[in-house]
Amino acid sequence: MPAAEPGQLLQPDWDLPPTVQARQTTRYGGYSLAPYDSWNLGSHVGDDPNAVAANRARLQDRLGAVAIQWLDQVHGLTVVAVESEPVSPAPAADAAWTTAPRVALAIMTADCLPVLLCSRRGDLVAAAHCGWRGLTGGLLGRLLAGIPEPASQMQAWLGPAISQPNYEVGPDVWEPVQEAFAAAGDRALLSRVLHPVPDAAEKRLLDLAGMARWQLQAEGVGHVAGGQDCAYADPRFYSHRRAQRAGTETGRMASLIWRG
């Protein structure tokens, strides 16, 4: 993605149908003070609620006559269908889909992987919040199984997330991932998504984007774009792990998709 100007919405590098729009927010151009500076959209991270409300209002202003469906993301496997207008309060779920026009599905992240999807005809859009728990638990498969469209007619984009070189995990994470992929019978893939860490036998480097790409393709999704932007390494984006290592907190950005 190109460099961001303050308050600018980035447009994913993705060949979308003419009826579908997608955008990515950044850290810049909002009202939050440090350490949430400045366009934090997360109301659950300790930021001033008034600043978050102003940041969400700015996003709404940027989108125009498009309603936003927020989710109460809980690292679970629940998928919700959104009808003609957003559900309020935000449902506890980590994926959503809709055929309604002008309803933007929003996924908030700060290292986890946002996955946006749409049908090739442009009449259905979907979005998922994919941390290691969701990917290991099969969230993407559940989402694709629940929509009224064959996976072969869907395409996907992987948004900014922590990249494999920066995502060091312990046995509490890599062992469940290893078990899940071993059960799927793809040990060659397993060696790619879990790299050993030199001089740290209990650590692995985990590839969230690689896991998601394999799962989407295994489900039959023909085209998967994105997956190159690292939230940890790129200062345009929020990163929980980068903030954690600095001994501070951080905000959340949003990936959005809707039918025009």
Protein backbone atom coordinates (compact mmCIF):
# COMPACT_ATOMS: atom_id res chain seq x y z
CA MET A 1 0.00 0.00 0.00
CA PRO A 2 1.19 3.58 -0.62
CA ALA A 3 2.24 5.98 2.11
CA ALA A 4 -0.62 7.41 4.16
CA GLU A 5 -1.49 11.04 4.67
CA PRO A 6 -3.12 12.08 7.97
CA GLY A 7 -6.74 10.96 8.06
CA GLN A 8 -6.42 9.20 4.73
CA LEU A 9 -8.10 5.88 4.08
CA LEU A 10 -5.80 3.47 2.24
CA GLN A 11 -7.24 1.46 -0.62
CA PRO A 12 -6.14 -2.19 -0.69
CA ASP A 13 -4.27 -3.34 -3.78
CA TRP A 14 -7.02 -5.71 -4.81
CA ASP A 15 -8.94 -6.17 -8.06
CA LEU A 16 -12.48 -5.71 -6.73
CA PRO A 17 -15.79 -5.90 -8.60
CA PRO A 18 -17.10 -2.42 -9.45
CA THR A 19 -19.86 -2.69 -6.84
CA VAL A 20 -17.49 -3.36 -3.90
CA GLN A 21 -15.32 -0.96 -1.93
CA ALA A 22 -12.62 -1.69 0.67
CA ARG A 23 -10.54 0.63 2.84
CA GLN A 24 -7.84 0.44 5.50
CA THR A 25 -7.35 3.01 8.26
CA THR A 26 -3.98 3.97 9.77
CA ARG A 27 -2.76 5.49 13.03
CA TYR A 28 -2.79 9.00 11.63
CA GLY A 29 -5.31 11.83 11.55
CA GLY A 30 -7.42 11.34 14.66
CA TYR A 31 -8.00 12.82 18.10
CA SER A 32 -6.45 10.34 20.52
CA LEU A 33 -3.44 11.32 22.61
CA ALA A 34 -0.36 9.19 23.27
CA PRO A 35 0.00 6.27 23.56
CA TYR A 36 -3.12 5.82 21.39
CA ASP A 37 -2.13 8.53 18.93
CA SER A 38 -4.04 9.29 17.01
CA TRP A 39 -6.79 7.61 14.95
CA ASN A 40 -7.64 4.88 17.46
CA LEU A 41 -11.00 3.23 16.73
CA GLY A 42 -10.98 0.75 19.63
CA SER A 43 -13.26 1.55 22.56
CA HIS A 44 -11.85 -1.31 24.69
CA VAL A 45 -8.18 -0.36 25.02
CA GLY A 46 -8.28 2.33 27.72
CA ASP A 47 -8.41 5.38 25.47
CA ASP A 48 -10.56 8.45 26.24
CA PRO A 49 -14.10 7.48 25.11
CA ASN A 50 -14.67 10.96 23.73
CA ALA A 51 -11.59 10.67 21.53
CA VAL A 52 -12.68 7.26 20.28
CA ALA A 53 -16.16 8.60 19.49
CA ALA A 54 -14.61 11.52 17.57
CA ASN A 55 -12.32 9.12 15.69
CA ARG A 56 -15.24 6.91 14.70
CA ALA A 57 -17.21 9.97 13.64
CA ARG A 58 -14.29 11.01 11.43
CA LEU A 59 -14.27 7.56 9.84
CA GLN A 60 -18.01 7.78 9.28
CA ASP A 61 -17.52 11.16 7.64
CA ARG A 62 -14.85 9.70 5.34
CA LEU A 63 -17.15 6.88 4.27
CA GLY A 64 -20.17 9.07 3.63
CA ALA A 65 -23.57 7.39 3.37
CA VAL A 66 -22.28 4.01 4.52
CA ALA A 67 -23.28 2.48 7.88
CA ILE A 68 -20.54 0.68 9.83
CA GLN A 69 -21.02 -2.71 11.47
CA TRP A 70 -18.60 -3.02 14.39
CA LEU A 71 -17.99 -6.33 16.16
CA ASP A 72 -17.17 -7.10 19.78
CA GLN A 73 -14.20 -9.27 18.81
CA VAL A 74 -13.49 -12.02 21.32
CA HIS A 75 -11.03 -14.33 19.51
CA GLY A 76 -13.87 -16.82 19.04
CA LEU A 77 -15.52 -18.64 16.14
CA THR A 78 -18.89 -16.89 15.96
CA VAL A 79 -20.03 -15.61 12.55
CA VAL A 80 -22.93 -13.17 12.20
CA ALA A 81 -25.10 -12.34 9.20
CA VAL A 82 -25.90 -8.62 8.94
CA GLU A 83 -29.27 -7.78 7.42
CA SER A 84 -30.32 -4.42 5.99
CA GLU A 85 -28.68 -2.34 8.75
CA PRO A 86 -25.97 -2.77 11.40
CA VAL A 87 -26.70 -4.69 14.60
CA SER A 88 -26.43 -2.61 17.78
CA PRO A 89 -24.85 -3.08 20.24
CA ALA A 90 -21.95 -4.70 18.43
CA PRO A 91 -22.41 -8.50 18.52
CA ALA A 92 -19.77 -10.70 20.14
CA ALA A 93 -18.33 -12.26 16.99
CA ASP A 94 -15.15 -12.43 14.94
CA ALA A 95 -16.59 -12.64 11.44
CA ALA A 96 -19.55 -11.24 9.56
CA TRP A 97 -21.11 -11.27 6.12
CA THR A 98 -23.82 -9.31 4.36
CA THR A 99 -25.56 -8.83 1.03
CA ALA A 100 -26.96 -5.45 2.11
CA PRO A 101 -25.70 -2.40 0.20
CA ARG A 102 -23.93 0.43 2.02
CA VAL A 103 -23.20 -1.60 5.17
CA ALA A 104 -19.46 -1.64 5.85
CA LEU A 105 -18.13 -4.60 7.82
CA ALA A 106 -15.31 -3.40 10.08
CA ILE A 107 -12.53 -5.54 11.56
CA MET A 108 -10.29 -3.93 14.18
CA THR A 109 -6.70 -5.11 14.58
CA ALA A 110 -3.29 -4.28 16.03
CA ASP A 111 -1.26 -7.37 14.94
CA CYS A 112 -4.02 -9.92 14.27
CA LEU A 113 -4.90 -10.51 10.63
CA PRO A 114 -7.94 -8.84 9.04
CA VAL A 115 -9.38 -10.87 6.17
CA LEU A 116 -11.80 -9.21 3.75
CA LEU A 117 -13.78 -11.24 1.21
CA CYS A 118 -16.28 -10.62 -1.57
CA SER A 119 -18.06 -12.62 -4.21
CA ARG A 120 -16.85 -12.30 -7.77
CA ARG A 121 -20.25 -10.85 -8.74
CA GLY A 122 -19.94 -8.26 -5.99
CA ASP A 123 -23.26 -9.11 -4.35
CA LEU A 124 -21.84 -10.39 -1.03
CA VAL A 125 -19.06 -9.19 1.26
CA ALA A 126 -17.54 -10.72 4.39
CA ALA A 127 -14.83 -9.97 6.94
CA ALA A 128 -12.98 -11.88 9.65
CA HIS A 129 -10.68 -11.13 12.60
CA CYS A 130 -7.99 -13.81 12.50
CA GLY A 131 -5.60 -14.29 15.37
CA TRP A 132 -3.91 -17.62 15.91
CA ARG A 133 -6.92 -18.93 17.88
CA GLY A 134 -9.38 -18.15 15.12
CA LEU A 135 -7.17 -19.62 12.42
CA THR A 136 -6.42 -22.74 14.44
CA GLY A 137 -10.11 -23.14 15.32
CA GLY A 138 -11.30 -22.89 11.72
CA LEU A 139 -12.99 -19.47 11.69
CA LEU A 140 -12.45 -18.93 7.96
CA GLY A 141 -13.88 -22.33 7.09
CA ARG A 142 -16.91 -21.66 9.27
CA LEU A 143 -17.44 -18.28 7.62
CA LEU A 144 -17.22 -19.73 4.11
CA ALA A 145 -19.55 -22.60 5.02
CA GLY A 146 -22.16 -20.18 6.32
CA ILE A 147 -22.50 -17.85 3.34
CA PRO A 148 -24.88 -18.45 0.40
CA GLU A 149 -22.04 -18.45 -2.11
CA PRO A 150 -19.57 -21.20 -3.09
CA ALA A 151 -16.03 -20.57 -1.88
CA SER A 152 -14.88 -20.91 -5.49
CA GLN A 153 -16.80 -17.73 -6.29
CA MET A 154 -15.14 -15.74 -3.49
CA GLN A 155 -11.93 -13.72 -3.42
CA ALA A 156 -10.01 -12.41 -0.43
CA TRP A 157 -7.56 -9.79 0.77
CA LEU A 158 -5.23 -10.13 3.77
CA GLY A 159 -4.68 -6.84 5.58
CA PRO A 160 -1.84 -5.53 7.77
CA ALA A 161 -0.79 -7.97 10.51
CA ILE A 162 2.35 -8.88 12.39
CA SER A 163 4.67 -10.70 10.00
CA GLN A 164 6.41 -13.99 10.66
CA PRO A 165 9.88 -12.53 11.36
CA ASN A 166 8.37 -10.45 14.18
CA TYR A 167 5.88 -12.93 15.63
CA GLU A 168 7.78 -15.07 18.12
CA VAL A 169 5.51 -17.42 20.09
CA GLY A 170 5.88 -20.04 22.80
CA PRO A 171 4.48 -23.58 23.12
CA ASP A 172 1.09 -22.29 24.30
CA VAL A 173 0.60 -20.96 20.77
CA TRP A 174 2.69 -23.08 18.41
CA GLU A 175 1.70 -26.46 19.83
CA PRO A 176 -2.05 -25.99 19.07
CA VAL A 177 -1.12 -24.64 15.62
CA GLN A 178 1.13 -27.64 15.02
CA GLU A 179 -1.61 -30.06 16.08
CA ALA A 180 -4.17 -28.40 13.82
CA PHE A 181 -1.95 -28.44 10.75
CA ALA A 182 -0.68 -31.95 11.41
CA ALA A 183 -4.30 -33.09 11.55
CA ALA A 184 -4.83 -31.45 8.16
CA GLY A 185 -2.01 -33.59 6.81
CA ASP A 186 0.16 -30.80 5.46
CA ARG A 187 3.54 -31.06 7.15
CA ALA A 188 5.28 -29.16 4.36
CA LEU A 189 3.07 -26.17 5.05
CA LEU A 190 3.63 -26.58 8.78
CA SER A 191 7.37 -26.16 8.29
CA ARG A 192 6.70 -22.86 6.52
CA VAL A 193 4.22 -21.32 8.95
CA LEU A 194 6.27 -22.33 12.02
CA HIS A 195 9.98 -21.51 11.87
CA PRO A 196 12.41 -22.41 14.67
CA VAL A 197 14.12 -19.58 16.55
CA PRO A 198 17.91 -19.95 16.81
CA ASP A 199 19.08 -20.57 20.40
CA ALA A 200 15.46 -20.72 21.64
CA ALA A 201 14.21 -24.29 21.45
CA GLU A 202 10.80 -23.45 22.94
CA LYS A 203 10.09 -20.59 20.52
CA ARG A 204 8.74 -20.48 16.98
CA LEU A 205 8.07 -17.76 14.42
CA LEU A 206 4.42 -17.94 13.32
CA ASP A 207 3.07 -16.85 9.93
CA LEU A 208 -0.55 -15.71 10.34
CA ALA A 209 -0.90 -14.61 6.72
CA GLY A 210 0.53 -17.92 5.50
CA MET A 211 -1.95 -19.86 7.64
CA ALA A 212 -4.88 -17.83 6.33
CA ARG A 213 -3.77 -18.04 2.70
CA TRP A 214 -3.48 -21.83 2.90
CA GLN A 215 -6.85 -22.21 4.61
CA LEU A 216 -8.65 -19.98 2.10
CA GLN A 217 -7.12 -21.81 -0.83
CA ALA A 218 -7.89 -25.19 0.75
CA GLU A 219 -11.54 -24.10 1.05
CA GLY A 220 -11.56 -23.28 -2.67
CA VAL A 221 -11.10 -19.50 -2.68
CA GLY A 222 -9.38 -18.88 -5.99
CA HIS A 223 -7.71 -15.51 -5.50
CA VAL A 224 -6.07 -14.28 -2.29
CA ALA A 225 -4.39 -10.86 -2.39
CA GLY A 226 -2.44 -8.90 0.20
CA GLY A 227 -0.59 -10.28 3.20
CA GLN A 228 2.59 -8.25 2.72
CA ASP A 229 2.06 -5.35 5.16
CA CYS A 230 3.59 -5.87 8.60
CA ALA A 231 1.77 -4.05 11.39
CA TYR A 232 4.77 -4.44 13.71
CA ALA A 233 7.37 -3.04 11.32
CA ASP A 234 5.31 -0.32 9.65
CA PRO A 235 4.73 2.79 11.82
CA ARG A 236 1.57 3.63 9.86
CA PHE A 237 -0.19 0.81 11.68
CA TYR A 238 -1.00 -0.08 15.29
CA SER A 239 0.88 -3.03 16.77
CA HIS A 240 0.09 -4.48 20.19
CA ARG A 241 3.39 -6.34 20.36
CA ARG A 242 5.43 -3.30 19.39
CA ALA A 243 3.68 -1.30 22.11
CA GLN A 244 4.07 -4.13 24.61
CA ARG A 245 7.81 -4.26 24.05
CA ALA A 246 7.93 -0.50 24.62
CA GLY A 247 6.01 -0.92 27.87
CA THR A 248 2.93 0.97 26.72
CA GLU A 249 -0.57 0.56 25.26
CA THR A 250 -1.83 1.07 21.73
CA GLY A 251 -4.97 1.63 19.67
CA ARG A 252 -6.77 -0.27 16.94
CA MET A 253 -7.12 0.33 13.21
CA ALA A 254 -9.91 -0.92 10.98
CA SER A 255 -10.20 -2.83 7.73
CA LEU A 256 -13.57 -2.27 6.01
CA ILE A 257 -15.50 -3.70 3.08
CA TRP A 258 -18.95 -2.90 1.71
CA ARG A 259 -21.20 -3.04 -1.31
CA GLY A 260 -21.67 0.31 -3.01
